[in-house]
Amino acid sequence: MIRYEELTARNAGYISPELQQKIRDTRLLIAGCGLGSVAAELAARTGFERFVLIDGDRVEAHNLNRQLYTAADVGTPKVQALARRLAAINPAAQVETRHSWVHAGNAGDLAERTDLVLDTIDFLDLPAILALHDAARGRGRAVLSAFSAGWGAVAVVFTPGAATLRQMCGLPADGPVAGASYPAIFGRLLGRMRPELPADFAAVTEEVLKGMADGQSCPAPQLAAGAATTGALLVTLAVRVLAGLPVTVAPEVILADPGALASRPGLRVRPET
């Protein structure tokens, strides 16, 4: 059996012993185990040891370009495949799996059983996302929401005192939203962020939304680099929230764009004298 202290030894200098214990004691909800699989693995390697995984989907071949599954996992419920992977990293990890979609009937229990929510639910299911956010806020839980944006990632931190997802979407403060149009709502959000977003991501997403408005089934293209950036951003935010460090919260949006960094002036290294 791997000792926890050995697993997390190389975190020293970045994570204090007190924060490492807090990480270990925190129960994370991974809501959506597609992109969430990347965040969950990084969280496990950072020292998170208590997980609740929920997703009603199974691994498909087209997931393998970005999610942390293998060909052997195809056809397996994502929560089961991810639980095996987390146990392979840390056999002492406590992993509860729910092969189910998030909905109004289970959102309250999920929020009650966890301390911090990582939300990577497909935005197509707006009522499910809102149910989870409503339940988490009602119990004082922070929700870290993120999605990949081409080569990068977008994240929003919803703490109990910050703006809500409903406010950002221009929706009523409470109540059902079954008739809300996903393409219209996300399109408006995208439009407000458009000047700051990577041009290729904005163009691809606009085409997807246009197809959806026409009634087409349009799964959005996603990249491995974007998924990795999303996972890294989510885990970084989770640790900062637990540490009480400053984080940008809703309605402000966090954009991590490696593509933009690649074209900016780099650090100048002075030659040796």
Protein backbone atom coordinates (compact mmCIF):
# COMPACT_ATOMS: atom_id res chain seq x y z
CA MET A 1 0.00 0.00 0.00
CA ILE A 2 1.31 3.42 -0.94
CA ARG A 3 1.58 5.78 2.01
CA TYR A 4 -0.20 9.11 1.55
CA GLU A 5 2.92 10.96 2.66
CA GLU A 6 4.90 9.30 -0.15
CA LEU A 7 2.23 10.02 -2.75
CA THR A 8 2.22 13.73 -1.92
CA ALA A 9 5.88 14.22 -0.96
CA ARG A 10 6.76 16.19 -4.11
CA ASN A 11 3.98 18.71 -3.38
CA ALA A 12 6.20 20.19 -0.66
CA GLY A 13 6.98 23.86 -1.15
CA TYR A 14 3.74 24.43 -3.05
CA ILE A 15 1.27 22.87 -0.61
CA SER A 16 1.76 23.19 3.15
CA PRO A 17 1.19 20.17 5.43
CA GLU A 18 -1.95 21.83 6.80
CA LEU A 19 -3.38 22.47 3.32
CA GLN A 20 -2.43 18.95 2.23
CA GLN A 21 -4.48 17.53 5.09
CA LYS A 22 -7.40 19.77 4.13
CA ILE A 23 -7.14 18.48 0.56
CA ARG A 24 -7.11 14.92 1.84
CA ASP A 25 -10.23 15.49 3.96
CA THR A 26 -12.24 17.29 1.27
CA ARG A 27 -14.90 15.29 -0.55
CA LEU A 28 -14.99 16.30 -4.20
CA LEU A 29 -18.02 15.92 -6.42
CA ILE A 30 -17.02 15.28 -10.02
CA ALA A 31 -20.21 16.15 -11.88
CA GLY A 32 -19.66 14.91 -15.42
CA CYS A 33 -16.90 12.35 -15.91
CA GLY A 34 -15.92 13.27 -19.45
CA LEU A 35 -13.73 16.34 -18.98
CA GLY A 36 -14.18 15.60 -15.29
CA SER A 37 -12.01 12.51 -15.73
CA VAL A 38 -9.00 14.76 -16.38
CA ALA A 39 -9.73 16.93 -13.34
CA ALA A 40 -10.34 13.86 -11.16
CA GLU A 41 -7.01 12.28 -12.07
CA LEU A 42 -5.09 15.49 -11.44
CA ALA A 43 -6.95 15.90 -8.15
CA ALA A 44 -6.00 12.37 -7.10
CA ARG A 45 -2.35 13.01 -7.93
CA THR A 46 -2.52 16.26 -5.93
CA GLY A 47 -3.72 14.33 -2.89
CA PHE A 48 -7.52 14.49 -2.98
CA GLU A 49 -8.66 11.15 -1.64
CA ARG A 50 -12.46 11.33 -1.35
CA PHE A 51 -14.57 11.44 -4.50
CA VAL A 52 -18.19 11.23 -5.57
CA LEU A 53 -18.46 10.58 -9.31
CA ILE A 54 -21.69 11.03 -11.23
CA ASP A 55 -22.30 10.54 -14.94
CA GLY A 56 -24.91 8.51 -16.82
CA ASP A 57 -22.74 8.01 -19.91
CA ARG A 58 -20.51 5.18 -21.11
CA VAL A 59 -17.05 5.49 -22.64
CA GLU A 60 -17.12 5.74 -26.42
CA ALA A 61 -14.26 5.66 -28.91
CA HIS A 62 -14.63 9.36 -29.74
CA ASN A 63 -13.97 10.19 -26.06
CA LEU A 64 -10.44 8.84 -26.25
CA ASN A 65 -8.97 11.90 -27.97
CA ARG A 66 -9.31 13.95 -24.78
CA GLN A 67 -10.71 12.03 -21.79
CA LEU A 68 -8.55 9.85 -19.54
CA TYR A 69 -9.88 6.49 -20.69
CA THR A 70 -8.41 3.73 -22.82
CA ALA A 71 -9.70 1.48 -25.61
CA ALA A 72 -10.30 -1.22 -23.00
CA ASP A 73 -12.82 1.09 -21.28
CA VAL A 74 -15.09 1.54 -24.32
CA GLY A 75 -18.62 0.47 -23.42
CA THR A 76 -17.99 0.77 -19.67
CA PRO A 77 -19.86 3.35 -17.57
CA LYS A 78 -17.55 6.32 -17.20
CA VAL A 79 -17.93 6.37 -13.43
CA GLN A 80 -16.72 2.77 -13.20
CA ALA A 81 -13.77 3.28 -15.52
CA LEU A 82 -12.76 6.46 -13.71
CA ALA A 83 -13.09 4.84 -10.29
CA ARG A 84 -10.69 2.09 -11.42
CA ARG A 85 -8.22 4.68 -12.64
CA LEU A 86 -8.31 6.64 -9.38
CA ALA A 87 -7.83 3.43 -7.39
CA ALA A 88 -4.85 2.55 -9.58
CA ILE A 89 -3.24 5.87 -8.61
CA ASN A 90 -4.16 5.70 -4.92
CA PRO A 91 -5.62 2.40 -3.68
CA ALA A 92 -6.73 4.16 -0.48
CA ALA A 93 -8.96 6.57 -2.37
CA GLN A 94 -12.61 6.51 -1.29
CA VAL A 95 -14.67 6.66 -4.47
CA GLU A 96 -18.46 6.63 -4.61
CA THR A 97 -19.91 6.12 -8.07
CA ARG A 98 -23.34 6.99 -9.40
CA HIS A 99 -24.11 5.83 -12.93
CA SER A 100 -26.82 8.43 -13.37
CA TRP A 101 -27.39 11.90 -14.77
CA VAL A 102 -27.61 14.87 -12.43
CA HIS A 103 -31.20 16.06 -12.09
CA ALA A 104 -33.44 17.96 -9.69
CA GLY A 105 -34.20 14.77 -7.77
CA ASN A 106 -30.58 13.99 -6.81
CA ALA A 107 -28.88 17.39 -6.86
CA GLY A 108 -29.66 18.12 -3.21
CA ASP A 109 -28.24 14.83 -1.97
CA LEU A 110 -25.10 15.27 -4.09
CA ALA A 111 -24.48 18.74 -2.69
CA GLU A 112 -25.16 17.52 0.85
CA ARG A 113 -22.63 14.69 0.58
CA THR A 114 -19.75 16.73 -0.80
CA ASP A 115 -17.66 19.75 0.17
CA LEU A 116 -16.65 21.15 -3.21
CA VAL A 117 -18.22 20.69 -6.66
CA LEU A 118 -16.31 20.40 -9.94
CA ASP A 119 -18.89 20.91 -12.65
CA THR A 120 -18.08 19.78 -16.18
CA ILE A 121 -21.61 18.70 -17.08
CA ASP A 122 -22.39 19.12 -20.76
CA PHE A 123 -24.00 22.56 -20.97
CA LEU A 124 -26.70 21.01 -23.16
CA ASP A 125 -28.38 19.87 -19.95
CA LEU A 126 -29.10 23.31 -18.56
CA PRO A 127 -31.84 22.23 -16.09
CA ALA A 128 -29.46 19.67 -14.53
CA ILE A 129 -26.66 22.20 -14.17
CA LEU A 130 -28.97 24.76 -12.60
CA ALA A 131 -30.38 22.17 -10.19
CA LEU A 132 -26.86 21.33 -9.02
CA HIS A 133 -25.85 24.99 -8.70
CA ASP A 134 -29.03 25.83 -6.80
CA ALA A 135 -28.52 22.91 -4.41
CA ALA A 136 -24.86 23.73 -3.83
CA ARG A 137 -25.52 27.40 -3.13
CA GLY A 138 -28.31 26.49 -0.73
CA ARG A 139 -25.79 24.44 1.27
CA GLY A 140 -22.92 26.91 1.09
CA ARG A 141 -20.84 24.85 -1.33
CA ALA A 142 -18.60 26.41 -3.95
CA VAL A 143 -19.04 25.23 -7.55
CA LEU A 144 -16.17 25.37 -10.02
CA SER A 145 -17.54 25.17 -13.56
CA ALA A 146 -15.34 24.78 -16.62
CA PHE A 147 -15.30 23.75 -20.25
CA SER A 148 -12.56 23.36 -22.82
CA ALA A 149 -12.11 26.17 -25.34
CA GLY A 150 -10.10 24.79 -28.25
CA TRP A 151 -6.53 24.54 -27.01
CA GLY A 152 -7.46 26.21 -23.73
CA ALA A 153 -10.15 26.42 -21.08
CA VAL A 154 -12.80 28.66 -19.58
CA ALA A 155 -13.75 28.49 -15.90
CA VAL A 156 -16.12 30.30 -13.55
CA VAL A 157 -15.97 30.11 -9.75
CA PHE A 158 -19.35 30.27 -8.03
CA THR A 159 -18.83 30.87 -4.32
CA PRO A 160 -21.81 31.43 -1.99
CA GLY A 161 -21.30 35.21 -2.11
CA ALA A 162 -20.66 35.52 -5.84
CA ALA A 163 -23.06 35.96 -8.75
CA THR A 164 -25.07 32.88 -9.71
CA LEU A 165 -25.19 30.95 -12.95
CA ARG A 166 -28.83 31.99 -13.28
CA GLN A 167 -27.81 35.64 -13.11
CA MET A 168 -25.09 35.14 -15.70
CA CYS A 169 -27.58 33.43 -18.02
CA GLY A 170 -30.29 36.04 -17.50
CA LEU A 171 -32.66 33.48 -15.98
CA PRO A 172 -35.14 33.77 -13.07
CA ALA A 173 -33.61 33.56 -9.61
CA ASP A 174 -35.42 30.27 -8.97
CA GLY A 175 -37.93 27.89 -10.45
CA PRO A 176 -37.91 25.58 -13.48
CA VAL A 177 -36.29 26.51 -16.80
CA ALA A 178 -37.49 23.58 -18.89
CA GLY A 179 -38.43 25.85 -21.79
CA ALA A 180 -35.12 27.73 -21.89
CA SER A 181 -33.28 27.45 -25.20
CA TYR A 182 -29.73 26.24 -24.71
CA PRO A 183 -28.45 27.59 -28.07
CA ALA A 184 -29.95 31.01 -27.33
CA ILE A 185 -28.66 31.25 -23.76
CA PHE A 186 -25.16 29.96 -24.46
CA GLY A 187 -25.07 32.00 -27.65
CA ARG A 188 -25.71 35.19 -25.64
CA LEU A 189 -22.97 34.26 -23.15
CA LEU A 190 -20.59 33.50 -25.96
CA GLY A 191 -21.41 36.79 -27.63
CA ARG A 192 -20.53 38.76 -24.49
CA MET A 193 -17.21 36.91 -24.19
CA ARG A 194 -16.49 36.78 -27.94
CA PRO A 195 -13.78 39.50 -28.07
CA GLU A 196 -11.68 37.68 -25.45
CA LEU A 197 -12.11 34.10 -26.68
CA PRO A 198 -9.74 32.25 -29.02
CA ALA A 199 -10.98 32.92 -32.54
CA ASP A 200 -10.99 29.26 -33.60
CA PHE A 201 -13.01 28.20 -30.55
CA ALA A 202 -15.55 30.98 -31.06
CA ALA A 203 -15.96 30.10 -34.74
CA VAL A 204 -16.37 26.37 -34.09
CA THR A 205 -18.84 26.95 -31.25
CA GLU A 206 -20.93 29.38 -33.28
CA GLU A 207 -21.27 26.75 -36.02
CA VAL A 208 -22.30 24.13 -33.45
CA LEU A 209 -24.92 26.44 -31.94
CA LYS A 210 -26.23 27.32 -35.39
CA GLY A 211 -26.70 23.62 -36.18
CA MET A 212 -28.44 23.03 -32.87
CA ALA A 213 -30.83 25.89 -33.53
CA ASP A 214 -31.73 24.12 -36.77
CA GLY A 215 -32.48 20.92 -34.85
CA GLN A 216 -29.29 19.08 -35.78
CA SER A 217 -27.26 16.89 -33.45
CA CYS A 218 -23.93 18.71 -33.24
CA PRO A 219 -21.37 17.34 -30.77
CA ALA A 220 -18.76 20.04 -30.27
CA PRO A 221 -15.18 19.31 -31.35
CA GLN A 222 -12.73 19.22 -28.45
CA LEU A 223 -8.99 18.75 -28.12
CA ALA A 224 -6.78 16.85 -25.68
CA ALA A 225 -4.78 20.00 -24.90
CA GLY A 226 -7.97 21.87 -24.04
CA ALA A 227 -9.14 19.05 -21.78
CA ALA A 228 -5.76 18.99 -20.02
CA THR A 229 -5.85 22.75 -19.53
CA THR A 230 -9.40 22.51 -18.18
CA GLY A 231 -8.43 19.84 -15.65
CA ALA A 232 -5.36 21.74 -14.53
CA LEU A 233 -7.33 24.96 -14.13
CA LEU A 234 -10.07 23.26 -12.11
CA VAL A 235 -7.64 21.59 -9.69
CA THR A 236 -5.62 24.80 -9.28
CA LEU A 237 -8.83 26.68 -8.44
CA ALA A 238 -9.97 23.94 -6.05
CA VAL A 239 -6.72 24.13 -4.09
CA ARG A 240 -6.80 27.93 -3.99
CA VAL A 241 -10.39 27.92 -2.73
CA LEU A 242 -9.47 25.46 0.04
CA ALA A 243 -6.39 27.51 0.93
CA GLY A 244 -8.42 30.72 1.14
CA LEU A 245 -6.26 32.32 -1.56
CA PRO A 246 -7.66 34.98 -3.90
CA VAL A 247 -9.63 33.66 -6.87
CA THR A 248 -11.62 35.40 -9.58
CA VAL A 249 -15.31 34.70 -8.97
CA ALA A 250 -18.54 35.00 -10.98
CA PRO A 251 -19.59 36.95 -12.91
CA GLU A 252 -15.96 37.28 -13.98
CA VAL A 253 -14.75 34.48 -16.26
CA ILE A 254 -11.27 32.93 -16.23
CA LEU A 255 -9.68 32.14 -19.59
CA ALA A 256 -6.56 30.00 -19.91
CA ASP A 257 -5.31 30.15 -23.50
CA PRO A 258 -1.99 28.38 -24.19
CA GLY A 259 -2.32 29.32 -27.85
CA ALA A 260 -2.13 33.01 -26.98
CA LEU A 261 0.81 32.41 -24.65
CA ALA A 262 2.70 30.68 -27.44
CA SER A 263 2.68 33.85 -29.55
CA ARG A 264 3.42 36.41 -26.84
CA PRO A 265 6.91 37.70 -26.06
CA GLY A 266 8.66 35.25 -23.77
CA LEU A 267 10.90 35.78 -20.77
CA ARG A 268 14.25 37.15 -21.85
CA VAL A 269 17.08 35.12 -20.39
CA ARG A 270 20.15 37.22 -19.89
CA PRO A 271 23.34 35.72 -21.29
CA GLU A 272 25.98 34.66 -18.84
CA THR A 273 28.68 37.20 -18.26
